[in-house]
């Protein structure tokens, strides 16, 4: 009986100390992965760059028609780049929010798990005695 109590106490110490530290280390790695998987830093640095570096050069001599054509195409490529990067960043944010919700649920369950196990054990003993 004493060994069972000591083992239970050691489990609770591990459950609420070392396991928590490991769990938050793993959660940090998940956020690190998401940040690098979606290339958030690169997308933010190149947010207003043309998409895939596509664009027109304006030419050496000034001709209004070529200049307008290059300006319109370059502006369009920048707008496409901004739109696509914004969509990717919004998707990355949605994944991050979803991860946060799952982590919150997991941490809550982790905190309650010993009590749930104890309640189920007591209920099982009650059913066995009846």
Protein backbone atom coordinates (compact mmCIF):
# COMPACT_ATOMS: atom_id res chain seq x y z
CA UNK A 1 0.00 0.00 0.00
CA UNK A 2 2.83 2.40 0.91
CA UNK A 3 4.64 1.61 -2.35
CA UNK A 4 1.49 2.38 -4.31
CA UNK A 5 1.17 5.76 -2.57
CA UNK A 6 4.84 6.55 -3.20
CA UNK A 7 4.46 5.54 -6.84
CA UNK A 8 1.32 7.67 -7.16
CA UNK A 9 3.11 10.65 -5.63
CA UNK A 10 6.08 10.21 -7.96
CA UNK A 11 3.72 9.99 -10.93
CA UNK A 12 1.98 13.20 -9.92
CA UNK A 13 5.33 14.96 -9.49
CA UNK A 14 6.41 13.83 -12.96
CA UNK A 15 3.02 14.62 -14.48
CA UNK A 16 2.91 18.23 -13.28
CA UNK A 17 6.62 19.11 -13.53
CA UNK A 18 8.90 17.30 -15.95
CA UNK A 19 6.13 16.23 -18.33
CA UNK A 20 4.83 19.81 -18.48
CA UNK A 21 8.29 21.10 -19.35
CA UNK A 22 8.68 18.49 -22.10
CA UNK A 23 5.19 19.19 -23.41
CA UNK A 24 5.85 22.92 -23.75
CA UNK A 25 9.20 22.21 -25.43
CA UNK A 26 7.37 20.06 -28.00
CA UNK A 27 4.70 22.75 -28.46
CA UNK A 28 7.43 25.33 -29.06
CA UNK A 29 8.89 23.08 -31.74
CA UNK A 30 5.49 22.81 -33.41
CA UNK A 31 5.22 26.61 -33.63
CA UNK A 32 8.82 26.80 -34.90
CA UNK A 33 7.93 24.24 -37.58
CA UNK A 34 4.85 26.16 -38.68
CA UNK A 35 6.80 29.43 -38.86
CA UNK A 36 9.46 27.88 -41.07
CA UNK A 37 7.08 25.65 -43.07
CA UNK A 38 5.10 28.66 -44.24
CA UNK A 39 8.28 30.81 -44.59
CA UNK A 40 6.65 33.62 -42.64
CA UNK A 41 9.86 35.64 -42.33
CA UNK A 42 10.61 35.45 -46.03
CA UNK A 43 7.01 36.25 -46.98
CA UNK A 44 6.98 39.32 -44.76
CA UNK A 45 10.35 40.55 -46.08
CA UNK A 46 9.30 40.13 -49.70
CA UNK A 47 5.65 41.11 -49.23
CA UNK A 48 5.63 43.84 -51.91
CA UNK A 49 8.00 42.15 -54.35
CA UNK A 50 6.66 41.03 -57.75
CA UNK A 51 5.38 37.47 -57.85
CA UNK A 52 8.18 35.07 -58.86
CA UNK A 53 10.22 38.19 -59.81
CA UNK A 54 8.19 38.56 -62.98
CA UNK A 55 8.09 41.96 -64.60
CA UNK A 56 8.99 44.08 -67.58
CA UNK A 57 12.04 46.23 -68.08
CA UNK A 58 11.38 49.78 -69.21
CA UNK A 59 14.00 49.87 -71.94
CA UNK A 60 16.88 52.22 -72.52
CA UNK A 61 15.11 54.94 -74.47
CA UNK A 62 12.02 56.59 -73.10
CA UNK A 63 8.93 55.67 -75.04
CA UNK A 64 5.61 56.40 -73.38
CA UNK A 65 3.96 53.23 -74.66
CA UNK A 66 6.75 50.93 -73.38
CA UNK A 67 6.95 52.81 -70.10
CA UNK A 68 3.18 52.49 -69.49
CA UNK A 69 3.20 48.84 -70.50
CA UNK A 70 6.10 48.06 -68.13
CA UNK A 71 4.50 50.06 -65.31
CA UNK A 72 1.15 48.29 -65.67
CA UNK A 73 2.72 44.82 -65.84
CA UNK A 74 5.05 45.50 -62.91
CA UNK A 75 2.18 46.87 -60.82
CA UNK A 76 0.06 43.85 -61.69
CA UNK A 77 2.86 41.45 -60.71
CA UNK A 78 3.29 43.26 -57.39
CA UNK A 79 -0.47 43.09 -56.74
CA UNK A 80 -0.48 39.38 -57.53
CA UNK A 81 2.52 38.92 -55.24
CA UNK A 82 0.87 40.81 -52.39
CA UNK A 83 -2.39 38.91 -52.83
CA UNK A 84 -0.81 35.47 -52.88
CA UNK A 85 1.54 36.21 -50.01
CA UNK A 86 -1.32 37.63 -47.96
CA UNK A 87 -3.35 34.48 -48.61
CA UNK A 88 -0.46 32.25 -47.55
CA UNK A 89 0.09 34.35 -44.43
CA UNK A 90 -3.62 34.20 -43.56
CA UNK A 91 -3.57 30.42 -43.96
CA UNK A 92 -0.46 30.24 -41.75
CA UNK A 93 -2.26 32.35 -39.15
CA UNK A 94 -5.29 30.04 -39.31
CA UNK A 95 -3.04 27.01 -38.78
CA UNK A 96 -1.39 28.79 -35.85
CA UNK A 97 -4.78 29.59 -34.28
CA UNK A 98 -5.91 26.00 -34.78
CA UNK A 99 -2.69 24.76 -33.19
CA UNK A 100 -3.26 27.09 -30.24
CA UNK A 101 -6.79 25.74 -29.75
CA UNK A 102 -5.59 22.14 -29.90
CA UNK A 103 -2.76 22.91 -27.49
CA UNK A 104 -5.16 24.59 -25.05
CA UNK A 105 -7.47 21.58 -25.18
CA UNK A 106 -4.54 19.20 -24.73
CA UNK A 107 -3.11 21.12 -21.77
CA UNK A 108 -6.53 21.23 -20.10
CA UNK A 109 -6.94 17.49 -20.60
CA UNK A 110 -3.41 16.89 -19.33
CA UNK A 111 -4.14 18.81 -16.14
CA UNK A 112 -7.37 16.89 -15.53
CA UNK A 113 -6.08 13.46 -16.53
CA UNK A 114 -4.99 12.25 -13.06
CA UNK A 115 -8.37 13.20 -11.62
CA UNK A 116 -10.19 11.49 -14.48
CA UNK A 117 -8.13 8.33 -13.97
CA UNK A 118 -8.84 8.38 -10.24
CA UNK A 119 -12.58 8.93 -10.78
CA UNK A 120 -12.74 6.07 -13.29
CA UNK A 121 -10.82 3.80 -10.93
CA UNK A 122 -13.15 4.58 -8.02
CA UNK A 123 -16.20 4.07 -10.23
CA UNK A 124 -14.80 0.75 -11.44
CA UNK A 125 -14.24 -0.41 -7.87
CA UNK A 126 -17.80 0.64 -6.96
CA UNK A 127 -19.20 -1.33 -9.89
CA UNK A 128 -17.06 -4.36 -8.99
CA UNK A 129 -18.28 -4.33 -5.38
CA UNK A 130 -21.97 -4.21 -6.33
